[in-house]
C-alpha atoms as a PDB file:
ATOM      1  CA  UNK A   1     -23.301  -7.409 -73.840  1.00  0.00           C
ATOM      2  CA  UNK A   2     -22.463  -7.393 -77.527  1.00  0.00           C
ATOM      3  CA  UNK A   3     -25.703  -9.155 -78.425  1.00  0.00           C
ATOM      4  CA  UNK A   4     -27.688  -6.761 -76.228  1.00  0.00           C
ATOM      5  CA  UNK A   5     -26.100  -3.668 -77.780  1.00  0.00           C
ATOM      6  CA  UNK A   6     -26.537  -5.000 -81.304  1.00  0.00           C
ATOM      7  CA  UNK A   7     -30.178  -5.909 -80.682  1.00  0.00           C
ATOM      8  CA  UNK A   8     -30.756  -2.500 -79.119  1.00  0.00           C
ATOM      9  CA  UNK A   9     -29.222  -0.840 -82.180  1.00  0.00           C
ATOM     10  CA  UNK A  10     -31.469  -2.925 -84.447  1.00  0.00           C
ATOM     11  CA  UNK A  11     -34.665  -2.202 -82.520  1.00  0.00           C
ATOM     12  CA  UNK A  12     -33.900   1.534 -82.266  1.00  0.00           C
ATOM     13  CA  UNK A  13     -33.246   1.639 -86.011  1.00  0.00           C
ATOM     14  CA  UNK A  14     -36.584  -0.065 -86.659  1.00  0.00           C
ATOM     15  CA  UNK A  15     -38.365   2.430 -84.378  1.00  0.00           C
ATOM     16  CA  UNK A  16     -36.550   5.344 -86.028  1.00  0.00           C
ATOM     17  CA  UNK A  17     -37.610   4.274 -89.532  1.00  0.00           C
ATOM     18  CA  UNK A  18     -41.205   3.379 -88.672  1.00  0.00           C
ATOM     19  CA  UNK A  19     -44.159   5.728 -88.810  1.00  0.00           C
ATOM     20  CA  UNK A  20     -46.316   3.565 -86.527  1.00  0.00           C
ATOM     21  CA  UNK A  21     -45.803   2.875 -82.834  1.00  0.00           C
ATOM     22  CA  UNK A  22     -44.158  -0.550 -82.616  1.00  0.00           C
ATOM     23  CA  UNK A  23     -44.870  -1.961 -79.178  1.00  0.00           C
ATOM     24  CA  UNK A  24     -42.728  -5.043 -79.766  1.00  0.00           C
ATOM     25  CA  UNK A  25     -39.704  -2.901 -80.668  1.00  0.00           C
ATOM     26  CA  UNK A  26     -40.149  -0.710 -77.585  1.00  0.00           C
ATOM     27  CA  UNK A  27     -40.425  -3.808 -75.378  1.00  0.00           C
ATOM     28  CA  UNK A  28     -37.333  -5.231 -77.074  1.00  0.00           C
ATOM     29  CA  UNK A  29     -35.423  -1.996 -76.346  1.00  0.00           C
ATOM     30  CA  UNK A  30     -36.349  -2.191 -72.655  1.00  0.00           C
ATOM     31  CA  UNK A  31     -35.444  -5.882 -72.452  1.00  0.00           C
ATOM     32  CA  UNK A  32     -32.078  -5.393 -74.160  1.00  0.00           C
ATOM     33  CA  UNK A  33     -31.161  -2.450 -71.908  1.00  0.00           C
ATOM     34  CA  UNK A  34     -31.928  -4.607 -68.865  1.00  0.00           C
ATOM     35  CA  UNK A  35     -29.936  -7.501 -70.351  1.00  0.00           C
ATOM     36  CA  UNK A  36     -27.001  -5.188 -71.097  1.00  0.00           C
ATOM     37  CA  UNK A  37     -26.925  -3.876 -67.526  1.00  0.00           C
ATOM     38  CA  UNK A  38     -27.093  -7.418 -66.127  1.00  0.00           C
ATOM     39  CA  UNK A  39     -24.304  -8.730 -68.374  1.00  0.00           C
ATOM     40  CA  UNK A  40     -22.159  -5.649 -67.746  1.00  0.00           C
ATOM     41  CA  UNK A  41     -22.530  -6.111 -63.982  1.00  0.00           C
ATOM     42  CA  UNK A  42     -21.255  -9.701 -64.118  1.00  0.00           C
ATOM     43  CA  UNK A  43     -18.764  -9.285 -66.972  1.00  0.00           C
ATOM     44  CA  UNK A  44     -16.815  -6.270 -68.156  1.00  0.00           C
ATOM     45  CA  UNK A  45     -17.971  -3.939 -65.391  1.00  0.00           C
ATOM     46  CA  UNK A  46     -15.910  -5.327 -62.518  1.00  0.00           C
ATOM     47  CA  UNK A  47     -12.846  -6.050 -64.654  1.00  0.00           C
ATOM     48  CA  UNK A  48     -11.420  -2.549 -64.353  1.00  0.00           C
ATOM     49  CA  UNK A  49     -11.648  -2.466 -60.563  1.00  0.00           C
ATOM     50  CA  UNK A  50     -10.352  -5.982 -60.109  1.00  0.00           C
ATOM     51  CA  UNK A  51      -7.454  -5.668 -62.515  1.00  0.00           C
ATOM     52  CA  UNK A  52      -6.399  -2.252 -61.274  1.00  0.00           C
ATOM     53  CA  UNK A  53      -6.056  -3.656 -57.775  1.00  0.00           C
ATOM     54  CA  UNK A  54      -4.012  -6.651 -58.980  1.00  0.00           C
ATOM     55  CA  UNK A  55      -1.680  -5.493 -61.748  1.00  0.00           C
ATOM     56  CA  UNK A  56       0.287  -2.858 -59.877  1.00  0.00           C
ATOM     57  CA  UNK A  57       3.089  -3.782 -57.450  1.00  0.00           C
ATOM     58  CA  UNK A  58       2.429  -2.844 -53.822  1.00  0.00           C
ATOM     59  CA  UNK A  59       4.707   0.199 -53.891  1.00  0.00           C
ATOM     60  CA  UNK A  60       2.779   1.687 -56.865  1.00  0.00           C
ATOM     61  CA  UNK A  61      -0.700   0.345 -56.184  1.00  0.00           C
ATOM     62  CA  UNK A  62      -2.265   3.500 -54.712  1.00  0.00           C
ATOM     63  CA  UNK A  63      -0.934   5.735 -57.482  1.00  0.00           C
ATOM     64  CA  UNK A  64      -1.791   3.238 -60.214  1.00  0.00           C
ATOM     65  CA  UNK A  65      -5.342   2.592 -59.016  1.00  0.00           C
ATOM     66  CA  UNK A  66      -6.033   6.306 -58.563  1.00  0.00           C
ATOM     67  CA  UNK A  67      -4.770   7.060 -62.075  1.00  0.00           C
ATOM     68  CA  UNK A  68      -6.822   4.169 -63.473  1.00  0.00           C
ATOM     69  CA  UNK A  69      -9.987   5.402 -61.731  1.00  0.00           C
ATOM     70  CA  UNK A  70      -9.354   8.935 -63.013  1.00  0.00           C
ATOM     71  CA  UNK A  71      -8.945   7.733 -66.610  1.00  0.00           C
ATOM     72  CA  UNK A  72     -12.041   5.545 -66.270  1.00  0.00           C
ATOM     73  CA  UNK A  73     -14.155   8.448 -64.973  1.00  0.00           C
ATOM     74  CA  UNK A  74     -12.902  10.869 -67.646  1.00  0.00           C
ATOM     75  CA  UNK A  75     -13.694   8.292 -70.350  1.00  0.00           C
ATOM     76  CA  UNK A  76     -17.191   7.773 -68.970  1.00  0.00           C
ATOM     77  CA  UNK A  77     -17.716  11.534 -68.861  1.00  0.00           C
ATOM     78  CA  UNK A  78     -16.594  11.989 -72.464  1.00  0.00           C
ATOM     79  CA  UNK A  79     -18.933   9.231 -73.625  1.00  0.00           C
ATOM     80  CA  UNK A  80     -21.848  10.738 -71.695  1.00  0.00           C
ATOM     81  CA  UNK A  81     -21.211  14.284 -72.911  1.00  0.00           C
ATOM     82  CA  UNK A  82     -20.786  13.333 -76.562  1.00  0.00           C
ATOM     83  CA  UNK A  83     -23.647  10.822 -76.841  1.00  0.00           C
ATOM     84  CA  UNK A  84     -26.246  13.272 -78.171  1.00  0.00           C
ATOM     85  CA  UNK A  85     -23.850  14.619 -80.812  1.00  0.00           C
ATOM     86  CA  UNK A  86     -22.917  11.055 -81.737  1.00  0.00           C
ATOM     87  CA  UNK A  87     -26.459   9.818 -82.238  1.00  0.00           C
ATOM     88  CA  UNK A  88     -27.392  12.936 -84.197  1.00  0.00           C
ATOM     89  CA  UNK A  89     -24.417  12.284 -86.487  1.00  0.00           C
ATOM     90  CA  UNK A  90     -24.865   8.526 -87.025  1.00  0.00           C
ATOM     91  CA  UNK A  91     -28.464   7.874 -85.810  1.00  0.00           C
ATOM     92  CA  UNK A  92     -29.451   6.413 -82.465  1.00  0.00           C
ATOM     93  CA  UNK A  93     -29.274   2.833 -83.743  1.00  0.00           C
ATOM     94  CA  UNK A  94     -25.869   3.482 -85.286  1.00  0.00           C
ATOM     95  CA  UNK A  95     -24.565   4.761 -81.946  1.00  0.00           C
ATOM     96  CA  UNK A  96     -25.478   1.478 -80.284  1.00  0.00           C
ATOM     97  CA  UNK A  97     -24.028  -0.530 -83.170  1.00  0.00           C
ATOM     98  CA  UNK A  98     -20.806   1.436 -82.585  1.00  0.00           C
ATOM     99  CA  UNK A  99     -20.934   0.667 -78.858  1.00  0.00           C
ATOM    100  CA  UNK A 100     -21.490  -3.011 -79.712  1.00  0.00           C
ATOM    101  CA  UNK A 101     -18.377  -2.927 -81.907  1.00  0.00           C
ATOM    102  CA  UNK A 102     -16.365  -1.315 -79.119  1.00  0.00           C
ATOM    103  CA  UNK A 103     -17.635  -3.961 -76.681  1.00  0.00           C
ATOM    104  CA  UNK A 104     -16.524  -6.654 -79.145  1.00  0.00           C
ATOM    105  CA  UNK A 105     -13.038  -5.168 -79.344  1.00  0.00           C
ATOM    106  CA  UNK A 106     -12.972  -4.950 -75.537  1.00  0.00           C
ATOM    107  CA  UNK A 107     -14.001  -8.581 -75.154  1.00  0.00           C
ATOM    108  CA  UNK A 108     -11.297  -9.719 -77.585  1.00  0.00           C
ATOM    109  CA  UNK A 109      -8.717  -7.599 -75.726  1.00  0.00           C
ATOM    110  CA  UNK A 110      -9.730  -8.984 -72.318  1.00  0.00           C
ATOM    111  CA  UNK A 111      -9.729 -12.546 -73.601  1.00  0.00           C
ATOM    112  CA  UNK A 112      -6.399 -12.393 -75.421  1.00  0.00           C
ATOM    113  CA  UNK A 113      -4.356  -9.954 -73.361  1.00  0.00           C
ATOM    114  CA  UNK A 114      -5.426 -10.293 -69.725  1.00  0.00           C
ATOM    115  CA  UNK A 115      -4.413 -13.490 -67.935  1.00  0.00           C
ATOM    116  CA  UNK A 116      -6.603 -15.247 -65.383  1.00  0.00           C
ATOM    117  CA  UNK A 117      -5.763 -14.162 -61.824  1.00  0.00           C
ATOM    118  CA  UNK A 118      -8.332 -16.172 -59.872  1.00  0.00           C
ATOM    119  CA  UNK A 119      -6.729 -18.091 -57.016  1.00  0.00           C
ATOM    120  CA  UNK A 120      -3.282 -16.546 -57.439  1.00  0.00           C
ATOM    121  CA  UNK A 121      -1.348 -14.694 -54.762  1.00  0.00           C
ATOM    122  CA  UNK A 122      -0.148 -11.123 -55.266  1.00  0.00           C
ATOM    123  CA  UNK A 123       3.358 -12.431 -55.918  1.00  0.00           C
ATOM    124  CA  UNK A 124       2.088 -14.737 -58.658  1.00  0.00           C
ATOM    125  CA  UNK A 125       0.090 -11.974 -60.319  1.00  0.00           C
ATOM    126  CA  UNK A 126       3.203  -9.801 -60.144  1.00  0.00           C
ATOM    127  CA  UNK A 127       5.027 -12.442 -62.188  1.00  0.00           C
ATOM    128  CA  UNK A 128       2.178 -12.533 -64.724  1.00  0.00           C
ATOM    129  CA  UNK A 129       2.085  -8.784 -65.196  1.00  0.00           C
ATOM    130  CA  UNK A 130       5.830  -8.235 -64.898  1.00  0.00           C
ATOM    131  CA  UNK A 131       6.370  -9.377 -68.483  1.00  0.00           C
ATOM    132  CA  UNK A 132       5.068  -7.968 -71.720  1.00  0.00           C
ATOM    133  CA  UNK A 133       5.874 -11.199 -73.555  1.00  0.00           C
ATOM    134  CA  UNK A 134       5.413 -14.722 -72.231  1.00  0.00           C
ATOM    135  CA  UNK A 135       2.409 -14.225 -69.968  1.00  0.00           C
ATOM    136  CA  UNK A 136       0.654 -17.350 -71.215  1.00  0.00           C
ATOM    137  CA  UNK A 137       3.761 -19.467 -70.687  1.00  0.00           C
ATOM    138  CA  UNK A 138       4.159 -18.099 -67.136  1.00  0.00           C
ATOM    139  CA  UNK A 139       0.480 -18.817 -66.421  1.00  0.00           C
ATOM    140  CA  UNK A 140       0.947 -22.370 -67.737  1.00  0.00           C
ATOM    141  CA  UNK A 141       3.967 -22.905 -65.471  1.00  0.00           C
ATOM    142  CA  UNK A 142       1.980 -21.667 -62.478  1.00  0.00           C
ATOM    143  CA  UNK A 143      -0.920 -23.950 -63.358  1.00  0.00           C
ATOM    144  CA  UNK A 144       1.420 -26.952 -63.603  1.00  0.00           C
ATOM    145  CA  UNK A 145       3.035 -26.065 -60.289  1.00  0.00           C
ATOM    146  CA  UNK A 146      -0.377 -25.790 -58.623  1.00  0.00           C
ATOM    147  CA  UNK A 147      -1.577 -29.146 -59.985  1.00  0.00           C
ATOM    148  CA  UNK A 148       1.642 -30.861 -58.894  1.00  0.00           C
ATOM    149  CA  UNK A 149       1.178 -29.579 -55.356  1.00  0.00           C
ATOM    150  CA  UNK A 150       4.289 -27.399 -55.390  1.00  0.00           C
ATOM    151  CA  UNK A 151       2.487 -24.118 -54.926  1.00  0.00           C
ATOM    152  CA  UNK A 152       3.965 -21.534 -52.606  1.00  0.00           C
ATOM    153  CA  UNK A 153       0.714 -20.218 -51.198  1.00  0.00           C
ATOM    154  CA  UNK A 154       0.913 -18.574 -47.821  1.00  0.00           C
ATOM    155  CA  UNK A 155      -0.917 -20.183 -44.943  1.00  0.00           C
ATOM    156  CA  UNK A 156      -3.759 -18.238 -43.346  1.00  0.00           C
ATOM    157  CA  UNK A 157      -3.074 -16.382 -40.111  1.00  0.00           C
ATOM    158  CA  UNK A 158      -6.029 -17.958 -38.353  1.00  0.00           C
ATOM    159  CA  UNK A 159      -6.893 -21.627 -38.683  1.00  0.00           C
ATOM    160  CA  UNK A 160     -10.593 -22.269 -38.972  1.00  0.00           C
END
C-alpha cells in the first residue's frame, strides 16, 4: 500500500508538472490505484473489522464494535469531504504522499502494537488485550503452551 501510494503521488506530480500528455504516467496512476485497492483488501482493510470483533470482552462487544464502526465511518467521511481542499493546498501528488506517510505510520502501529490473534480462542485474546504492558510476553507464553500441547482449546460441538 505504501509503495502504491508513493508511486501514485510521484506519477501525479509528474503529470501535474508536465505540459505534454504522458501516457506512461497515466497508465502508472491506474496501475497503482488498482494495486493499492488490492493490497488494502488483503492487508489493512480487514484489520479494523477483525480486531474490533476480537478485542472487546463479550459483555462490551456490541457497544465496542458499534462505536468502532461509527468512528471508522466518521473518519472516512472527513477524509472524503476534505480531499479536494487538501490537494488544492498541497497539490494532488502531495496529498498521496501524505496518505503514504499515514499508511506507513499505520503499518508500524499494527506491526508493533497489535498482537497476532490467529488460532487463539476468545479467552486467549482477552488475555492479550487485557494488559497494556506485557502483551508480547503473554503471546510468547501462549505460543509455548500451544507447542507443548498444553493448550486449553475447546472441543468442537460436532465431530466431523
